[in-house]
Amino acid sequence: MTRIIGGIAGSRTLASPAKVTRPTSDRIRESIFNRLEALNLIAGSDVLDLYAGTGALGLEAASRGCRSVMLVEQHKQALGGIITNQRMIKAALQKEELDCDIRAEGKSVSSYLTTFSGKFDLVFIDPPYEITNTEIAENLEALLPHLNVDAVVVLERSSRTPIPELPEGLSVTEEKSYGDTVVYWLAN
């Protein structure tokens, strides 16, 4: 069961299509968002959630006060769950008279990055573990023009996989292991 941890929509359960997604655990999400809030990186930020799955990372940011969220997911069944989750979070925000532009795109990450022209302050990349480091490195390269100054990228990978090659302009500021998962904090 995946849920929103904190903020306006805290404790709401998210739809999660069985065997289609691998949502970030509550423990890892809580750790990520505690750090983001301590660094004041959520409020008013524009957020991109690539390989969104259930949308848990981006929707958690919406619940905690970001300005906008773009959820990118190619799998049609997962996208259906994201749309359900998006509606629930929007309803919670509207009840509190708060606004956050939450949108979802049903396309591949590479297709999205080559056709979209916006900029983001915070990016979550939580691909299925079987996605190769080569594909991740290509996506990071394509992401660079979409990053605002001082943007933060949170990359989640299997701890059995080495870090993907980073393009010039991105560097690791922190690495944290959570058993089978490692989270890389990248900055431009």
C-alpha atoms as a PDB file:
ATOM      1  CA  MET A   1       0.000   0.000   0.000  1.00  0.00           C
ATOM      2  CA  THR A   2       1.509   3.302  -1.142  1.00  0.00           C
ATOM      3  CA  ARG A   3       0.368   6.481   0.524  1.00  0.00           C
ATOM      4  CA  ILE A   4       1.156  10.177   0.686  1.00  0.00           C
ATOM      5  CA  ILE A   5       3.375  10.688   3.741  1.00  0.00           C
ATOM      6  CA  GLY A   6       2.916  14.378   4.580  1.00  0.00           C
ATOM      7  CA  GLY A   7       1.441  17.731   3.663  1.00  0.00           C
ATOM      8  CA  ILE A   8      -2.168  18.579   2.815  1.00  0.00           C
ATOM      9  CA  ALA A   9      -2.934  15.139   1.340  1.00  0.00           C
ATOM     10  CA  GLY A  10      -0.982  13.204   3.985  1.00  0.00           C
ATOM     11  CA  SER A  11      -2.122   9.633   4.745  1.00  0.00           C
ATOM     12  CA  ARG A  12      -4.179   9.254   1.554  1.00  0.00           C
ATOM     13  CA  THR A  13      -3.680   5.887  -0.156  1.00  0.00           C
ATOM     14  CA  LEU A  14      -2.570   5.884  -3.798  1.00  0.00           C
ATOM     15  CA  ALA A  15      -3.843   3.544  -6.502  1.00  0.00           C
ATOM     16  CA  SER A  16      -1.026   1.199  -7.502  1.00  0.00           C
ATOM     17  CA  PRO A  17      -1.559  -1.228 -10.395  1.00  0.00           C
ATOM     18  CA  ALA A  18      -0.285  -4.654  -9.332  1.00  0.00           C
ATOM     19  CA  LYS A  19       2.919  -5.864 -11.020  1.00  0.00           C
ATOM     20  CA  VAL A  20       3.155  -2.702 -13.145  1.00  0.00           C
ATOM     21  CA  THR A  21       4.997  -0.363 -10.784  1.00  0.00           C
ATOM     22  CA  ARG A  22       7.637  -0.519  -8.058  1.00  0.00           C
ATOM     23  CA  PRO A  23       6.741   2.452  -5.862  1.00  0.00           C
ATOM     24  CA  THR A  24       9.433   4.030  -3.714  1.00  0.00           C
ATOM     25  CA  SER A  25       8.912   2.740  -0.176  1.00  0.00           C
ATOM     26  CA  ASP A  26       7.369   5.045   2.429  1.00  0.00           C
ATOM     27  CA  ARG A  27      10.630   4.959   4.403  1.00  0.00           C
ATOM     28  CA  ILE A  28      12.734   6.130   1.455  1.00  0.00           C
ATOM     29  CA  ARG A  29      10.198   8.768   0.395  1.00  0.00           C
ATOM     30  CA  GLU A  30      10.012  10.092   3.941  1.00  0.00           C
ATOM     31  CA  SER A  31      13.808  10.376   4.073  1.00  0.00           C
ATOM     32  CA  ILE A  32      13.936  12.132   0.677  1.00  0.00           C
ATOM     33  CA  PHE A  33      11.199  14.599   1.582  1.00  0.00           C
ATOM     34  CA  ASN A  34      12.579  15.329   5.044  1.00  0.00           C
ATOM     35  CA  ARG A  35      15.825  16.385   3.365  1.00  0.00           C
ATOM     36  CA  LEU A  36      14.051  18.378   0.641  1.00  0.00           C
ATOM     37  CA  GLU A  37      12.004  20.254   3.248  1.00  0.00           C
ATOM     38  CA  ALA A  38      15.049  20.884   5.436  1.00  0.00           C
ATOM     39  CA  LEU A  39      16.757  22.443   2.381  1.00  0.00           C
ATOM     40  CA  ASN A  40      13.559  24.379   1.525  1.00  0.00           C
ATOM     41  CA  LEU A  41      13.449  22.855  -1.967  1.00  0.00           C
ATOM     42  CA  ILE A  42       9.752  22.014  -2.281  1.00  0.00           C
ATOM     43  CA  ALA A  43       7.628  25.097  -1.603  1.00  0.00           C
ATOM     44  CA  GLY A  44       6.972  26.982  -4.831  1.00  0.00           C
ATOM     45  CA  SER A  45       9.104  24.659  -6.974  1.00  0.00           C
ATOM     46  CA  ASP A  46       8.359  23.204 -10.409  1.00  0.00           C
ATOM     47  CA  VAL A  47       8.689  19.407 -10.181  1.00  0.00           C
ATOM     48  CA  LEU A  48       9.225  16.725 -12.819  1.00  0.00           C
ATOM     49  CA  ASP A  49       8.624  13.050 -11.971  1.00  0.00           C
ATOM     50  CA  LEU A  50      10.095  10.782 -14.680  1.00  0.00           C
ATOM     51  CA  TYR A  51       9.090   7.094 -14.799  1.00  0.00           C
ATOM     52  CA  ALA A  52       6.345   8.231 -12.436  1.00  0.00           C
ATOM     53  CA  GLY A  53       4.766   4.810 -11.755  1.00  0.00           C
ATOM     54  CA  THR A  54       2.053   5.684  -9.220  1.00  0.00           C
ATOM     55  CA  GLY A  55       3.073   9.351  -9.189  1.00  0.00           C
ATOM     56  CA  ALA A  56       3.961   9.042  -5.487  1.00  0.00           C
ATOM     57  CA  LEU A  57       7.088  11.224  -5.611  1.00  0.00           C
ATOM     58  CA  GLY A  58       5.580  14.065  -7.633  1.00  0.00           C
ATOM     59  CA  LEU A  59       2.256  13.941  -5.800  1.00  0.00           C
ATOM     60  CA  GLU A  60       4.067  13.983  -2.444  1.00  0.00           C
ATOM     61  CA  ALA A  61       5.718  17.227  -3.607  1.00  0.00           C
ATOM     62  CA  ALA A  62       2.279  18.593  -4.558  1.00  0.00           C
ATOM     63  CA  SER A  63       0.922  17.707  -1.128  1.00  0.00           C
ATOM     64  CA  ARG A  64       3.830  19.614   0.437  1.00  0.00           C
ATOM     65  CA  GLY A  65       3.438  22.847  -1.499  1.00  0.00           C
ATOM     66  CA  CYS A  66       5.224  22.782  -4.847  1.00  0.00           C
ATOM     67  CA  ARG A  67       3.904  25.069  -7.612  1.00  0.00           C
ATOM     68  CA  SER A  68       3.587  22.467 -10.389  1.00  0.00           C
ATOM     69  CA  VAL A  69       4.142  18.772 -11.065  1.00  0.00           C
ATOM     70  CA  MET A  70       4.613  16.982 -14.381  1.00  0.00           C
ATOM     71  CA  LEU A  71       4.251  13.189 -14.139  1.00  0.00           C
ATOM     72  CA  VAL A  72       5.702  11.243 -17.074  1.00  0.00           C
ATOM     73  CA  GLU A  73       4.768   7.574 -17.430  1.00  0.00           C
ATOM     74  CA  GLN A  74       4.634   5.447 -20.567  1.00  0.00           C
ATOM     75  CA  HIS A  75       2.807   2.356 -19.245  1.00  0.00           C
ATOM     76  CA  LYS A  76      -0.931   2.782 -19.900  1.00  0.00           C
ATOM     77  CA  GLN A  77      -2.097   0.863 -16.812  1.00  0.00           C
ATOM     78  CA  ALA A  78       0.214   2.884 -14.547  1.00  0.00           C
ATOM     79  CA  LEU A  79      -0.928   6.111 -16.235  1.00  0.00           C
ATOM     80  CA  GLY A  80      -4.525   5.211 -15.359  1.00  0.00           C
ATOM     81  CA  GLY A  81      -3.505   4.930 -11.705  1.00  0.00           C
ATOM     82  CA  ILE A  82      -1.667   8.262 -11.898  1.00  0.00           C
ATOM     83  CA  ILE A  83      -4.775   9.995 -13.237  1.00  0.00           C
ATOM     84  CA  THR A  84      -6.843   8.562 -10.350  1.00  0.00           C
ATOM     85  CA  ASN A  85      -4.185   9.633  -7.835  1.00  0.00           C
ATOM     86  CA  GLN A  86      -3.852  13.062  -9.414  1.00  0.00           C
ATOM     87  CA  ARG A  87      -7.594  13.701  -9.045  1.00  0.00           C
ATOM     88  CA  MET A  88      -7.504  12.705  -5.382  1.00  0.00           C
ATOM     89  CA  ILE A  89      -4.568  15.017  -4.606  1.00  0.00           C
ATOM     90  CA  LYS A  90      -6.120  17.926  -6.533  1.00  0.00           C
ATOM     91  CA  ALA A  91      -9.367  17.486  -4.562  1.00  0.00           C
ATOM     92  CA  ALA A  92      -7.439  17.564  -1.256  1.00  0.00           C
ATOM     93  CA  LEU A  93      -5.598  20.728  -2.303  1.00  0.00           C
ATOM     94  CA  GLN A  94      -8.779  22.448  -3.504  1.00  0.00           C
ATOM     95  CA  LYS A  95     -10.496  21.635  -0.219  1.00  0.00           C
ATOM     96  CA  GLU A  96      -7.732  23.648   1.482  1.00  0.00           C
ATOM     97  CA  GLU A  97      -7.976  26.352  -1.237  1.00  0.00           C
ATOM     98  CA  LEU A  98      -4.444  25.624  -2.468  1.00  0.00           C
ATOM     99  CA  ASP A  99      -3.437  25.393  -6.087  1.00  0.00           C
ATOM    100  CA  CYS A 100      -0.867  23.189  -7.777  1.00  0.00           C
ATOM    101  CA  ASP A 101      -0.783  22.560 -11.511  1.00  0.00           C
ATOM    102  CA  ILE A 102      -0.612  18.747 -11.737  1.00  0.00           C
ATOM    103  CA  ARG A 103      -0.328  17.233 -15.223  1.00  0.00           C
ATOM    104  CA  ALA A 104       0.456  13.779 -16.582  1.00  0.00           C
ATOM    105  CA  GLU A 105       2.007  12.749 -19.895  1.00  0.00           C
ATOM    106  CA  GLY A 106       1.597   9.263 -21.311  1.00  0.00           C
ATOM    107  CA  LYS A 107       4.832   8.987 -23.254  1.00  0.00           C
ATOM    108  CA  SER A 108       8.361   7.697 -22.892  1.00  0.00           C
ATOM    109  CA  VAL A 109      10.848   9.736 -20.898  1.00  0.00           C
ATOM    110  CA  SER A 110      13.104  10.276 -23.922  1.00  0.00           C
ATOM    111  CA  SER A 111      10.160  11.415 -26.057  1.00  0.00           C
ATOM    112  CA  TYR A 112       9.000  13.811 -23.365  1.00  0.00           C
ATOM    113  CA  LEU A 113      12.455  15.323 -22.841  1.00  0.00           C
ATOM    114  CA  THR A 114      12.961  15.939 -26.561  1.00  0.00           C
ATOM    115  CA  THR A 115       9.568  17.616 -27.094  1.00  0.00           C
ATOM    116  CA  PHE A 116       8.972  19.623 -23.906  1.00  0.00           C
ATOM    117  CA  SER A 117      10.443  23.088 -23.441  1.00  0.00           C
ATOM    118  CA  GLY A 118       9.816  23.905 -19.743  1.00  0.00           C
ATOM    119  CA  LYS A 119      12.251  24.139 -16.841  1.00  0.00           C
ATOM    120  CA  PHE A 120      12.218  22.462 -13.440  1.00  0.00           C
ATOM    121  CA  ASP A 121      13.657  23.041  -9.961  1.00  0.00           C
ATOM    122  CA  LEU A 122      13.301  19.477  -8.708  1.00  0.00           C
ATOM    123  CA  VAL A 123      13.377  16.236 -10.725  1.00  0.00           C
ATOM    124  CA  PHE A 124      12.686  12.697  -9.556  1.00  0.00           C
ATOM    125  CA  ILE A 125      13.998   9.827 -11.677  1.00  0.00           C
ATOM    126  CA  ASP A 126      12.874   6.439 -10.381  1.00  0.00           C
ATOM    127  CA  PRO A 127      13.043   4.070 -13.365  1.00  0.00           C
ATOM    128  CA  PRO A 128      12.297   0.367 -13.292  1.00  0.00           C
ATOM    129  CA  TYR A 129      15.506  -1.366 -12.222  1.00  0.00           C
ATOM    130  CA  GLU A 130      15.774  -3.120 -15.593  1.00  0.00           C
ATOM    131  CA  ILE A 131      16.251   0.221 -17.394  1.00  0.00           C
ATOM    132  CA  THR A 132      19.913   0.350 -18.421  1.00  0.00           C
ATOM    133  CA  ASN A 133      22.424   2.883 -17.198  1.00  0.00           C
ATOM    134  CA  THR A 134      22.963   3.855 -20.838  1.00  0.00           C
ATOM    135  CA  GLU A 135      19.317   4.910 -21.137  1.00  0.00           C
ATOM    136  CA  ILE A 136      19.507   6.769 -17.811  1.00  0.00           C
ATOM    137  CA  ALA A 137      22.690   8.594 -18.932  1.00  0.00           C
ATOM    138  CA  GLU A 138      20.975   9.612 -22.201  1.00  0.00           C
ATOM    139  CA  ASN A 139      17.943  10.874 -20.257  1.00  0.00           C
ATOM    140  CA  LEU A 140      20.169  12.864 -17.886  1.00  0.00           C
ATOM    141  CA  GLU A 141      21.880  14.483 -20.883  1.00  0.00           C
ATOM    142  CA  ALA A 142      18.498  15.361 -22.426  1.00  0.00           C
ATOM    143  CA  LEU A 143      17.305  16.680 -19.044  1.00  0.00           C
ATOM    144  CA  LEU A 144      20.076  19.294 -18.672  1.00  0.00           C
ATOM    145  CA  PRO A 145      18.394  22.048 -20.755  1.00  0.00           C
ATOM    146  CA  HIS A 146      15.237  21.590 -18.641  1.00  0.00           C
ATOM    147  CA  LEU A 147      16.944  22.343 -15.319  1.00  0.00           C
ATOM    148  CA  ASN A 148      16.731  25.729 -13.639  1.00  0.00           C
ATOM    149  CA  VAL A 149      19.837  27.113 -11.937  1.00  0.00           C
ATOM    150  CA  ASP A 150      20.458  25.224  -8.670  1.00  0.00           C
ATOM    151  CA  ALA A 151      18.020  22.456  -9.638  1.00  0.00           C
ATOM    152  CA  VAL A 152      18.193  19.168  -7.739  1.00  0.00           C
ATOM    153  CA  VAL A 153      17.789  15.742  -9.349  1.00  0.00           C
ATOM    154  CA  VAL A 154      16.950  12.754  -7.140  1.00  0.00           C
ATOM    155  CA  LEU A 155      17.899   9.510  -8.915  1.00  0.00           C
ATOM    156  CA  GLU A 156      16.853   6.145  -7.497  1.00  0.00           C
ATOM    157  CA  ARG A 157      18.567   2.938  -8.640  1.00  0.00           C
ATOM    158  CA  SER A 158      19.166  -0.631  -7.518  1.00  0.00           C
ATOM    159  CA  SER A 159      22.129  -0.895  -5.160  1.00  0.00           C
ATOM    160  CA  ARG A 160      23.388  -3.713  -7.419  1.00  0.00           C
ATOM    161  CA  THR A 161      23.772  -1.274 -10.323  1.00  0.00           C
ATOM    162  CA  PRO A 162      26.630   1.236 -10.536  1.00  0.00           C
ATOM    163  CA  ILE A 163      25.770   4.910 -10.898  1.00  0.00           C
ATOM    164  CA  PRO A 164      25.098   5.874 -14.521  1.00  0.00           C
ATOM    165  CA  GLU A 165      27.643   8.055 -16.286  1.00  0.00           C
ATOM    166  CA  LEU A 166      26.722  11.664 -15.541  1.00  0.00           C
ATOM    167  CA  PRO A 167      26.802  14.303 -18.251  1.00  0.00           C
ATOM    168  CA  GLU A 168      28.989  17.349 -17.831  1.00  0.00           C
ATOM    169  CA  GLY A 169      26.955  19.791 -15.793  1.00  0.00           C
ATOM    170  CA  LEU A 170      25.629  17.287 -13.235  1.00  0.00           C
ATOM    171  CA  SER A 171      27.474  15.994 -10.197  1.00  0.00           C
ATOM    172  CA  VAL A 172      26.663  13.791  -7.210  1.00  0.00           C
ATOM    173  CA  THR A 173      26.260  15.782  -4.008  1.00  0.00           C
ATOM    174  CA  GLU A 174      25.195  12.836  -1.864  1.00  0.00           C
ATOM    175  CA  GLU A 175      24.596   9.097  -2.103  1.00  0.00           C
ATOM    176  CA  LYS A 176      22.436   7.217   0.390  1.00  0.00           C
ATOM    177  CA  SER A 177      21.842   3.469   0.473  1.00  0.00           C
ATOM    178  CA  TYR A 178      18.605   1.874   1.696  1.00  0.00           C
ATOM    179  CA  GLY A 179      19.223  -1.880   1.381  1.00  0.00           C
ATOM    180  CA  ASP A 180      18.368  -2.818  -2.226  1.00  0.00           C
ATOM    181  CA  THR A 181      17.958   0.842  -3.232  1.00  0.00           C
ATOM    182  CA  VAL A 182      20.421   3.690  -3.546  1.00  0.00           C
ATOM    183  CA  VAL A 183      19.419   7.351  -3.916  1.00  0.00           C
ATOM    184  CA  TYR A 184      21.769   9.770  -5.669  1.00  0.00           C
ATOM    185  CA  TRP A 185      21.364  13.503  -5.119  1.00  0.00           C
ATOM    186  CA  LEU A 186      22.549  15.347  -8.224  1.00  0.00           C
ATOM    187  CA  ALA A 187      23.026  19.061  -8.751  1.00  0.00           C
ATOM    188  CA  ASN A 188      23.862  21.240 -11.732  1.00  0.00           C
END
